[in-house]
Amino acid sequence: MFRKFTLTAVAALALGTAPATAAEVEVEVTDYAFPFEGPFGSYDQMQLQRGLQVYTEICSACHGLELLAFRNLHDEGGPALPEDQMRAYAEFYEVFDETLFDGEGDFRAATPSDHFPSSSLSTAPDLTLMAKARAGFHGPYGTGISQFVNGMGGAEYIASLMTGYHEEPECALEGEPMDGYYNVAFAAGGFPESCIDEKGKHMVPGSWISMAPPLYGDDVDYADGHSTELEEVSQDVAAFLMWTAEPKLVARKQAGLSGVLFLTVLSVLLYLTNKRLWAPHKHKD
């Protein structure tokens, strides 16, 4: 079941020349049920491979993954591409090698040890750490209760952003036109004065974002026959971007679980040892 969470943020950045006011903004982020959530969750290998396909065919035109090496696509717990497929995938990219031609440098086909190219546009952020940099859930002011229960929600934020494009609300049509696209999950863009009431509260959720809708549904063809509806494709690429930000997430969970079990057993042994050592002396006068 998808639950809508109402979040608060501050809109301080205007898009274009349209007027914007720093006021409380409500945004809508859907709590999707990703398989890697929870203490025992792990990545869905097929979902990560689908997300890689979405990134390759759509997102890579503008955004990069400069902190991720091609060899990581072969890692267990990730997309786990066979080595030959990983190497073939890397060869589709070109990287600049400064050692070629006596230090003059030139482009060559990428190898597994190379990293994904960086963003091709100065205004397009790198996506490697995007899922960790964006928080989707917030608890009551001054607490992190919701984040503790639901996690940071970066993947949910990305998926909600992909599906959050809507027609401009009627209040926005009454004032000066806004540059960009209206998105109910985005809170850092411009906001028209006509959509702010006399108390300074925003009358509609979200704000205006400069990025055009990257996904519309049926954007890709999956080899496994999985649904290509907008919400499904958005979750696939969001899960992949979560993996790029946390490639060792499953290993960390396993290490944490092992640590908890070890400390639990150690605590029981220490308790029993303490009772055995002090039992003969406990009731002495």
C-alpha atoms as a PDB file:
ATOM      1  CA  MET A   1       0.000   0.000   0.000  1.00  0.00           C
ATOM      2  CA  PHE A   2       1.299   3.435  -0.899  1.00  0.00           C
ATOM      3  CA  ARG A   3       1.007   6.090   1.740  1.00  0.00           C
ATOM      4  CA  LYS A   4       1.287   9.784   1.081  1.00  0.00           C
ATOM      5  CA  PHE A   5       3.541  11.670   3.416  1.00  0.00           C
ATOM      6  CA  THR A   6       3.315  15.421   3.764  1.00  0.00           C
ATOM      7  CA  LEU A   7       6.693  16.987   4.267  1.00  0.00           C
ATOM      8  CA  THR A   8       7.852  20.534   4.919  1.00  0.00           C
ATOM      9  CA  ALA A   9      10.774  22.404   3.430  1.00  0.00           C
ATOM     10  CA  VAL A  10      11.817  25.952   2.623  1.00  0.00           C
ATOM     11  CA  ALA A  11      11.655  27.289  -0.923  1.00  0.00           C
ATOM     12  CA  ALA A  12      14.519  29.747  -1.196  1.00  0.00           C
ATOM     13  CA  LEU A  13      15.543  29.476  -4.832  1.00  0.00           C
ATOM     14  CA  ALA A  14      13.582  31.031  -7.690  1.00  0.00           C
ATOM     15  CA  LEU A  15      13.515  29.640 -11.226  1.00  0.00           C
ATOM     16  CA  GLY A  16      13.737  32.264 -13.941  1.00  0.00           C
ATOM     17  CA  THR A  17      12.522  35.778 -13.275  1.00  0.00           C
ATOM     18  CA  ALA A  18       9.173  34.883 -11.749  1.00  0.00           C
ATOM     19  CA  PRO A  19       8.682  36.057  -8.151  1.00  0.00           C
ATOM     20  CA  ALA A  20       9.224  33.542  -5.386  1.00  0.00           C
ATOM     21  CA  THR A  21       8.672  33.744  -1.665  1.00  0.00           C
ATOM     22  CA  ALA A  22      10.468  31.827   1.082  1.00  0.00           C
ATOM     23  CA  ALA A  23       7.566  30.127   2.812  1.00  0.00           C
ATOM     24  CA  GLU A  24       6.541  26.724   4.075  1.00  0.00           C
ATOM     25  CA  VAL A  25       6.126  24.249   1.229  1.00  0.00           C
ATOM     26  CA  GLU A  26       4.234  20.977   1.414  1.00  0.00           C
ATOM     27  CA  VAL A  27       5.411  18.204  -0.882  1.00  0.00           C
ATOM     28  CA  GLU A  28       4.036  14.752  -1.618  1.00  0.00           C
ATOM     29  CA  VAL A  29       6.367  11.754  -1.351  1.00  0.00           C
ATOM     30  CA  THR A  30       4.992   8.230  -1.747  1.00  0.00           C
ATOM     31  CA  ASP A  31       6.238   5.529   0.622  1.00  0.00           C
ATOM     32  CA  TYR A  32       7.064   2.816  -1.894  1.00  0.00           C
ATOM     33  CA  ALA A  33       7.864  -0.676  -0.601  1.00  0.00           C
ATOM     34  CA  PHE A  34      11.425  -1.229  -1.833  1.00  0.00           C
ATOM     35  CA  PRO A  35      12.922  -4.693  -1.210  1.00  0.00           C
ATOM     36  CA  PHE A  36      16.121  -3.295   0.344  1.00  0.00           C
ATOM     37  CA  GLU A  37      14.288  -1.598   3.213  1.00  0.00           C
ATOM     38  CA  GLY A  38      14.320  -2.894   6.770  1.00  0.00           C
ATOM     39  CA  PRO A  39      17.064  -4.658   8.727  1.00  0.00           C
ATOM     40  CA  PHE A  40      16.803  -7.827   6.612  1.00  0.00           C
ATOM     41  CA  GLY A  41      16.109  -6.242   3.236  1.00  0.00           C
ATOM     42  CA  SER A  42      18.330  -6.721   0.202  1.00  0.00           C
ATOM     43  CA  TYR A  43      18.492  -5.443  -3.346  1.00  0.00           C
ATOM     44  CA  ASP A  44      16.455  -7.116  -6.071  1.00  0.00           C
ATOM     45  CA  GLN A  45      19.036  -8.021  -8.727  1.00  0.00           C
ATOM     46  CA  MET A  46      16.537  -7.881 -11.596  1.00  0.00           C
ATOM     47  CA  GLN A  47      15.209  -4.515 -10.435  1.00  0.00           C
ATOM     48  CA  LEU A  48      18.750  -3.123 -10.355  1.00  0.00           C
ATOM     49  CA  GLN A  49      19.389  -4.409 -13.879  1.00  0.00           C
ATOM     50  CA  ARG A  50      16.176  -2.757 -15.059  1.00  0.00           C
ATOM     51  CA  GLY A  51      17.190   0.463 -13.307  1.00  0.00           C
ATOM     52  CA  LEU A  52      20.584   0.317 -15.015  1.00  0.00           C
ATOM     53  CA  GLN A  53      18.788   0.059 -18.345  1.00  0.00           C
ATOM     54  CA  VAL A  54      16.640   3.100 -17.550  1.00  0.00           C
ATOM     55  CA  TYR A  55      19.708   5.094 -16.503  1.00  0.00           C
ATOM     56  CA  THR A  56      21.625   4.049 -19.643  1.00  0.00           C
ATOM     57  CA  GLU A  57      18.857   4.780 -22.123  1.00  0.00           C
ATOM     58  CA  ILE A  58      17.420   7.930 -20.521  1.00  0.00           C
ATOM     59  CA  CYS A  59      19.253   9.463 -17.575  1.00  0.00           C
ATOM     60  CA  SER A  60      22.834   9.165 -18.864  1.00  0.00           C
ATOM     61  CA  ALA A  61      22.104  11.700 -21.609  1.00  0.00           C
ATOM     62  CA  CYS A  62      22.447  14.429 -18.973  1.00  0.00           C
ATOM     63  CA  HIS A  63      23.560  12.881 -15.667  1.00  0.00           C
ATOM     64  CA  GLY A  64      26.714  11.010 -14.698  1.00  0.00           C
ATOM     65  CA  LEU A  65      27.814   8.460 -12.092  1.00  0.00           C
ATOM     66  CA  GLU A  66      31.410   9.535 -11.644  1.00  0.00           C
ATOM     67  CA  LEU A  67      31.919   7.781  -8.283  1.00  0.00           C
ATOM     68  CA  LEU A  68      30.864   4.367  -9.627  1.00  0.00           C
ATOM     69  CA  ALA A  69      33.287   2.067 -11.475  1.00  0.00           C
ATOM     70  CA  PHE A  70      32.083  -0.211 -14.247  1.00  0.00           C
ATOM     71  CA  ARG A  71      33.496  -3.239 -12.402  1.00  0.00           C
ATOM     72  CA  ASN A  72      30.961  -2.632  -9.615  1.00  0.00           C
ATOM     73  CA  LEU A  73      28.204  -3.771 -11.980  1.00  0.00           C
ATOM     74  CA  HIS A  74      29.635  -7.276 -11.575  1.00  0.00           C
ATOM     75  CA  ASP A  75      29.630  -7.191  -7.754  1.00  0.00           C
ATOM     76  CA  GLU A  76      27.511  -9.619  -5.791  1.00  0.00           C
ATOM     77  CA  GLY A  77      24.571  -7.855  -4.154  1.00  0.00           C
ATOM     78  CA  GLY A  78      24.312  -5.364  -7.030  1.00  0.00           C
ATOM     79  CA  PRO A  79      23.167  -5.771 -10.645  1.00  0.00           C
ATOM     80  CA  ALA A  80      25.621  -8.704 -10.766  1.00  0.00           C
ATOM     81  CA  LEU A  81      26.138  -8.591 -14.524  1.00  0.00           C
ATOM     82  CA  PRO A  82      28.217 -11.505 -15.850  1.00  0.00           C
ATOM     83  CA  GLU A  83      31.816 -10.420 -16.382  1.00  0.00           C
ATOM     84  CA  ASP A  84      31.597 -10.556 -20.169  1.00  0.00           C
ATOM     85  CA  GLN A  85      28.447  -8.410 -20.157  1.00  0.00           C
ATOM     86  CA  MET A  86      30.036  -5.952 -17.722  1.00  0.00           C
ATOM     87  CA  ARG A  87      33.092  -5.581 -19.960  1.00  0.00           C
ATOM     88  CA  ALA A  88      30.926  -5.197 -23.067  1.00  0.00           C
ATOM     89  CA  TYR A  89      28.837  -2.558 -21.281  1.00  0.00           C
ATOM     90  CA  ALA A  90      31.956  -0.596 -20.305  1.00  0.00           C
ATOM     91  CA  GLU A  91      33.167  -0.553 -23.905  1.00  0.00           C
ATOM     92  CA  PHE A  92      30.099   1.436 -24.931  1.00  0.00           C
ATOM     93  CA  TYR A  93      31.602   4.407 -23.083  1.00  0.00           C
ATOM     94  CA  GLU A  94      34.670   6.448 -23.925  1.00  0.00           C
ATOM     95  CA  VAL A  95      36.990   7.922 -21.313  1.00  0.00           C
ATOM     96  CA  PHE A  96      39.846  10.391 -21.688  1.00  0.00           C
ATOM     97  CA  ASP A  97      43.244   8.803 -20.997  1.00  0.00           C
ATOM     98  CA  GLU A  98      46.012  11.323 -20.302  1.00  0.00           C
ATOM     99  CA  THR A  99      48.749   8.689 -20.752  1.00  0.00           C
ATOM    100  CA  LEU A 100      48.108   8.172 -24.449  1.00  0.00           C
ATOM    101  CA  PHE A 101      50.226   9.794 -27.170  1.00  0.00           C
ATOM    102  CA  ASP A 102      53.129  10.713 -24.901  1.00  0.00           C
ATOM    103  CA  GLY A 103      50.981  12.538 -22.382  1.00  0.00           C
ATOM    104  CA  GLU A 104      48.872  14.446 -24.877  1.00  0.00           C
ATOM    105  CA  GLY A 105      45.915  12.221 -24.078  1.00  0.00           C
ATOM    106  CA  ASP A 106      43.070  10.885 -26.142  1.00  0.00           C
ATOM    107  CA  PHE A 107      39.774   9.063 -25.784  1.00  0.00           C
ATOM    108  CA  ARG A 108      39.621   5.280 -25.574  1.00  0.00           C
ATOM    109  CA  ALA A 109      37.012   2.613 -24.810  1.00  0.00           C
ATOM    110  CA  ALA A 110      36.345   2.294 -21.082  1.00  0.00           C
ATOM    111  CA  THR A 111      37.602  -0.714 -19.114  1.00  0.00           C
ATOM    112  CA  PRO A 112      36.144  -2.252 -15.926  1.00  0.00           C
ATOM    113  CA  SER A 113      38.498  -0.187 -13.747  1.00  0.00           C
ATOM    114  CA  ASP A 114      37.267   3.107 -15.207  1.00  0.00           C
ATOM    115  CA  HIS A 115      34.447   5.120 -13.689  1.00  0.00           C
ATOM    116  CA  PHE A 116      31.229   6.202 -15.338  1.00  0.00           C
ATOM    117  CA  PRO A 117      31.515   9.590 -17.072  1.00  0.00           C
ATOM    118  CA  SER A 118      30.553  12.687 -15.119  1.00  0.00           C
ATOM    119  CA  SER A 119      27.515  14.821 -15.915  1.00  0.00           C
ATOM    120  CA  SER A 120      27.517  16.185 -19.448  1.00  0.00           C
ATOM    121  CA  LEU A 121      25.720  19.376 -18.376  1.00  0.00           C
ATOM    122  CA  SER A 122      26.910  21.823 -15.741  1.00  0.00           C
ATOM    123  CA  THR A 123      23.336  22.162 -14.452  1.00  0.00           C
ATOM    124  CA  ALA A 124      22.722  18.401 -14.223  1.00  0.00           C
ATOM    125  CA  PRO A 125      23.916  16.958 -10.885  1.00  0.00           C
ATOM    126  CA  ASP A 126      25.819  13.705 -10.681  1.00  0.00           C
ATOM    127  CA  LEU A 127      23.508  10.903  -9.544  1.00  0.00           C
ATOM    128  CA  THR A 128      25.968   8.658  -7.697  1.00  0.00           C
ATOM    129  CA  LEU A 129      25.021   9.884  -4.225  1.00  0.00           C
ATOM    130  CA  MET A 130      21.629  11.375  -5.073  1.00  0.00           C
ATOM    131  CA  ALA A 131      19.634   8.802  -3.092  1.00  0.00           C
ATOM    132  CA  LYS A 132      21.654   9.591   0.048  1.00  0.00           C
ATOM    133  CA  ALA A 133      21.669  13.338  -0.485  1.00  0.00           C
ATOM    134  CA  ARG A 134      17.881  13.582  -0.673  1.00  0.00           C
ATOM    135  CA  ALA A 135      15.739  12.822   2.380  1.00  0.00           C
ATOM    136  CA  GLY A 136      12.157  11.853   1.678  1.00  0.00           C
ATOM    137  CA  PHE A 137      10.845  11.394   5.204  1.00  0.00           C
ATOM    138  CA  HIS A 138      10.948  13.738   8.186  1.00  0.00           C
ATOM    139  CA  GLY A 139       9.580  13.211  11.660  1.00  0.00           C
ATOM    140  CA  PRO A 140       8.081  15.874  13.926  1.00  0.00           C
ATOM    141  CA  TYR A 141      10.216  18.994  14.208  1.00  0.00           C
ATOM    142  CA  GLY A 142      13.401  18.288  16.133  1.00  0.00           C
ATOM    143  CA  THR A 143      13.083  14.487  15.916  1.00  0.00           C
ATOM    144  CA  GLY A 144      13.888  11.788  13.410  1.00  0.00           C
ATOM    145  CA  ILE A 145      11.147   9.321  14.311  1.00  0.00           C
ATOM    146  CA  SER A 146       9.891   8.853  10.764  1.00  0.00           C
ATOM    147  CA  GLN A 147      13.427   8.545   9.383  1.00  0.00           C
ATOM    148  CA  PHE A 148      14.245   5.948  12.052  1.00  0.00           C
ATOM    149  CA  VAL A 149      11.207   3.859  11.099  1.00  0.00           C
ATOM    150  CA  ASN A 150      11.097   4.388   7.344  1.00  0.00           C
ATOM    151  CA  GLY A 151      14.713   5.228   6.551  1.00  0.00           C
ATOM    152  CA  MET A 152      15.884   8.428   4.883  1.00  0.00           C
ATOM    153  CA  GLY A 153      13.529   7.911   1.958  1.00  0.00           C
ATOM    154  CA  GLY A 154      15.931   9.046  -0.757  1.00  0.00           C
ATOM    155  CA  ALA A 155      14.750   6.353  -3.162  1.00  0.00           C
ATOM    156  CA  GLU A 156      11.124   7.232  -2.422  1.00  0.00           C
ATOM    157  CA  TYR A 157      11.900  10.881  -3.112  1.00  0.00           C
ATOM    158  CA  ILE A 158      13.463  10.071  -6.493  1.00  0.00           C
ATOM    159  CA  ALA A 159      10.562   7.834  -7.539  1.00  0.00           C
ATOM    160  CA  SER A 160       8.035  10.426  -6.360  1.00  0.00           C
ATOM    161  CA  LEU A 161       9.878  13.161  -8.261  1.00  0.00           C
ATOM    162  CA  MET A 162       9.693  11.104 -11.465  1.00  0.00           C
ATOM    163  CA  THR A 163       5.931  10.652 -11.049  1.00  0.00           C
ATOM    164  CA  GLY A 164       5.219  14.075  -9.531  1.00  0.00           C
ATOM    165  CA  TYR A 165       4.869  16.164 -12.694  1.00  0.00           C
ATOM    166  CA  HIS A 166       1.388  17.680 -13.043  1.00  0.00           C
ATOM    167  CA  GLU A 167      -0.399  20.416 -14.893  1.00  0.00           C
ATOM    168  CA  GLU A 168       0.058  23.848 -13.366  1.00  0.00           C
ATOM    169  CA  PRO A 169      -2.562  24.614 -10.711  1.00  0.00           C
ATOM    170  CA  GLU A 170      -5.178  27.250 -11.423  1.00  0.00           C
ATOM    171  CA  CYS A 171      -3.647  29.722  -8.981  1.00  0.00           C
ATOM    172  CA  ALA A 172      -0.412  29.742 -10.994  1.00  0.00           C
ATOM    173  CA  LEU A 173      -2.299  30.687 -14.159  1.00  0.00           C
ATOM    174  CA  GLU A 174      -3.559  33.865 -12.522  1.00  0.00           C
ATOM    175  CA  GLY A 175      -0.128  35.461 -12.055  1.00  0.00           C
ATOM    176  CA  GLU A 176       3.056  35.731 -14.076  1.00  0.00           C
ATOM    177  CA  PRO A 177       4.004  32.472 -15.830  1.00  0.00           C
ATOM    178  CA  MET A 178       6.638  30.362 -14.085  1.00  0.00           C
ATOM    179  CA  ASP A 179       9.706  28.953 -15.793  1.00  0.00           C
ATOM    180  CA  GLY A 180      10.053  25.201 -15.528  1.00  0.00           C
ATOM    181  CA  TYR A 181       7.641  22.381 -14.737  1.00  0.00           C
ATOM    182  CA  TYR A 182       5.256  21.959 -11.824  1.00  0.00           C
ATOM    183  CA  ASN A 183       6.160  19.001  -9.587  1.00  0.00           C
ATOM    184  CA  VAL A 184       4.362  18.122  -6.345  1.00  0.00           C
ATOM    185  CA  ALA A 185       7.455  16.398  -4.853  1.00  0.00           C
ATOM    186  CA  PHE A 186       9.918  19.247  -5.429  1.00  0.00           C
ATOM    187  CA  ALA A 187      10.336  21.960  -2.820  1.00  0.00           C
ATOM    188  CA  ALA A 188      13.418  23.967  -3.744  1.00  0.00           C
ATOM    189  CA  GLY A 189      12.170  25.772  -6.825  1.00  0.00           C
ATOM    190  CA  GLY A 190      10.319  28.978  -7.541  1.00  0.00           C
ATOM    191  CA  PHE A 191       6.775  29.677  -6.417  1.00  0.00           C
ATOM    192  CA  PRO A 192       4.326  32.290  -7.767  1.00  0.00           C
ATOM    193  CA  GLU A 193       2.862  34.924  -5.456  1.00  0.00           C
ATOM    194  CA  SER A 194      -0.602  34.033  -6.744  1.00  0.00           C
ATOM    195  CA  CYS A 195      -0.351  30.605  -5.047  1.00  0.00           C
ATOM    196  CA  ILE A 196       0.478  32.023  -1.600  1.00  0.00           C
ATOM    197  CA  ASP A 197      -2.404  33.053   0.649  1.00  0.00           C
ATOM    198  CA  GLU A 198      -2.590  36.120   2.900  1.00  0.00           C
ATOM    199  CA  LYS A 199      -1.025  34.132   5.765  1.00  0.00           C
ATOM    200  CA  GLY A 200       2.051  33.299   3.679  1.00  0.00           C
ATOM    201  CA  LYS A 201       1.119  29.649   3.248  1.00  0.00           C
ATOM    202  CA  HIS A 202       1.477  27.844  -0.057  1.00  0.00           C
ATOM    203  CA  MET A 203      -1.921  26.779  -1.366  1.00  0.00           C
ATOM    204  CA  VAL A 204      -0.603  23.891  -3.491  1.00  0.00           C
ATOM    205  CA  PRO A 205       2.127  21.307  -2.819  1.00  0.00           C
ATOM    206  CA  GLY A 206       5.507  21.242  -4.516  1.00  0.00           C
ATOM    207  CA  SER A 207       7.036  23.922  -6.721  1.00  0.00           C
ATOM    208  CA  TRP A 208       8.545  24.458 -10.166  1.00  0.00           C
ATOM    209  CA  ILE A 209      11.590  22.487 -11.334  1.00  0.00           C
ATOM    210  CA  SER A 210      13.761  23.271 -14.346  1.00  0.00           C
ATOM    211  CA  MET A 211      14.155  19.594 -15.376  1.00  0.00           C
ATOM    212  CA  ALA A 212      11.614  18.409 -17.925  1.00  0.00           C
ATOM    213  CA  PRO A 213       9.797  15.132 -17.160  1.00  0.00           C
ATOM    214  CA  PRO A 214      12.386  12.430 -17.931  1.00  0.00           C
ATOM    215  CA  LEU A 215       9.906   9.529 -17.817  1.00  0.00           C
ATOM    216  CA  TYR A 216       6.414   9.177 -19.228  1.00  0.00           C
ATOM    217  CA  GLY A 217       5.778   5.442 -18.987  1.00  0.00           C
ATOM    218  CA  ASP A 218       6.614   2.841 -21.638  1.00  0.00           C
ATOM    219  CA  ASP A 219       9.971   4.608 -22.075  1.00  0.00           C
ATOM    220  CA  VAL A 220      11.936   1.340 -22.202  1.00  0.00           C
ATOM    221  CA  ASP A 221      11.400  -2.276 -23.219  1.00  0.00           C
ATOM    222  CA  TYR A 222      12.384  -4.744 -20.511  1.00  0.00           C
ATOM    223  CA  ALA A 223      13.731  -8.123 -21.604  1.00  0.00           C
ATOM    224  CA  ASP A 224      12.136  -9.807 -18.573  1.00  0.00           C
ATOM    225  CA  GLY A 225       8.681  -8.566 -19.528  1.00  0.00           C
ATOM    226  CA  HIS A 226       8.285  -6.452 -16.391  1.00  0.00           C
ATOM    227  CA  SER A 227       5.745  -3.634 -16.398  1.00  0.00           C
ATOM    228  CA  THR A 228       6.933  -0.387 -17.979  1.00  0.00           C
ATOM    229  CA  GLU A 229       4.286   1.831 -16.403  1.00  0.00           C
ATOM    230  CA  LEU A 230       5.562   5.139 -15.048  1.00  0.00           C
ATOM    231  CA  GLU A 231       5.497   4.147 -11.379  1.00  0.00           C
ATOM    232  CA  GLU A 232       7.268   0.844 -12.033  1.00  0.00           C
ATOM    233  CA  VAL A 233      10.026   2.381 -14.162  1.00  0.00           C
ATOM    234  CA  SER A 234      10.477   5.187 -11.611  1.00  0.00           C
ATOM    235  CA  GLN A 235      10.934   2.673  -8.801  1.00  0.00           C
ATOM    236  CA  ASP A 236      13.424   0.685 -10.873  1.00  0.00           C
ATOM    237  CA  VAL A 237      15.716   3.645 -11.533  1.00  0.00           C
ATOM    238  CA  ALA A 238      15.298   4.879  -7.944  1.00  0.00           C
ATOM    239  CA  ALA A 239      16.391   1.460  -6.621  1.00  0.00           C
ATOM    240  CA  PHE A 240      19.407   1.488  -8.943  1.00  0.00           C
ATOM    241  CA  LEU A 241      20.415   4.962  -7.760  1.00  0.00           C
ATOM    242  CA  MET A 242      20.045   3.780  -4.164  1.00  0.00           C
ATOM    243  CA  TRP A 243      22.493   0.990  -4.960  1.00  0.00           C
ATOM    244  CA  THR A 244      24.970   3.438  -6.519  1.00  0.00           C
ATOM    245  CA  ALA A 245      24.856   5.412  -3.276  1.00  0.00           C
ATOM    246  CA  GLU A 246      24.967   2.340  -0.988  1.00  0.00           C
ATOM    247  CA  PRO A 247      26.605  -0.527  -2.936  1.00  0.00           C
ATOM    248  CA  LYS A 248      27.642  -2.283   0.293  1.00  0.00           C
ATOM    249  CA  LEU A 249      24.267  -1.903   2.011  1.00  0.00           C
ATOM    250  CA  VAL A 250      23.574  -5.645   2.249  1.00  0.00           C
ATOM    251  CA  ALA A 251      27.099  -6.390   3.535  1.00  0.00           C
ATOM    252  CA  ARG A 252      26.724  -3.708   6.197  1.00  0.00           C
ATOM    253  CA  LYS A 253      23.396  -5.168   7.317  1.00  0.00           C
ATOM    254  CA  GLN A 254      24.926  -8.640   7.557  1.00  0.00           C
ATOM    255  CA  ALA A 255      27.880  -7.302   9.533  1.00  0.00           C
ATOM    256  CA  GLY A 256      25.539  -5.410  11.854  1.00  0.00           C
ATOM    257  CA  LEU A 257      23.370  -8.472  12.427  1.00  0.00           C
ATOM    258  CA  SER A 258      26.460 -10.574  13.202  1.00  0.00           C
ATOM    259  CA  GLY A 259      27.626  -7.924  15.653  1.00  0.00           C
ATOM    260  CA  VAL A 260      24.272  -7.828  17.432  1.00  0.00           C
ATOM    261  CA  LEU A 261      24.164 -11.630  17.739  1.00  0.00           C
ATOM    262  CA  PHE A 262      27.739 -11.729  19.055  1.00  0.00           C
ATOM    263  CA  LEU A 263      27.062  -9.038  21.652  1.00  0.00           C
ATOM    264  CA  THR A 264      23.843 -10.788  22.706  1.00  0.00           C
ATOM    265  CA  VAL A 265      25.621 -14.103  23.297  1.00  0.00           C
ATOM    266  CA  LEU A 266      28.490 -12.324  25.049  1.00  0.00           C
ATOM    267  CA  SER A 267      26.065 -10.503  27.364  1.00  0.00           C
ATOM    268  CA  VAL A 268      24.378 -13.776  28.335  1.00  0.00           C
ATOM    269  CA  LEU A 269      27.723 -15.440  29.038  1.00  0.00           C
ATOM    270  CA  LEU A 270      28.912 -12.500  31.140  1.00  0.00           C
ATOM    271  CA  TYR A 271      25.670 -12.541  33.106  1.00  0.00           C
ATOM    272  CA  LEU A 272      25.938 -16.268  33.833  1.00  0.00           C
ATOM    273  CA  THR A 273      29.617 -15.954  34.711  1.00  0.00           C
ATOM    274  CA  ASN A 274      28.886 -13.104  37.084  1.00  0.00           C
ATOM    275  CA  LYS A 275      26.167 -15.121  38.856  1.00  0.00           C
ATOM    276  CA  ARG A 276      28.423 -18.156  39.152  1.00  0.00           C
ATOM    277  CA  LEU A 277      31.323 -16.157  40.620  1.00  0.00           C
ATOM    278  CA  TRP A 278      29.252 -14.239  43.171  1.00  0.00           C
ATOM    279  CA  ALA A 279      26.656 -16.896  44.069  1.00  0.00           C
ATOM    280  CA  PRO A 280      28.758 -18.416  46.921  1.00  0.00           C
ATOM    281  CA  HIS A 281      29.282 -14.995  48.497  1.00  0.00           C
ATOM    282  CA  LYS A 282      25.879 -13.440  47.942  1.00  0.00           C
ATOM    283  CA  HIS A 283      24.172 -14.645  51.147  1.00  0.00           C
ATOM    284  CA  LYS A 284      27.164 -14.583  53.507  1.00  0.00           C
ATOM    285  CA  ASP A 285      26.823 -12.446  56.607  1.00  0.00           C
END
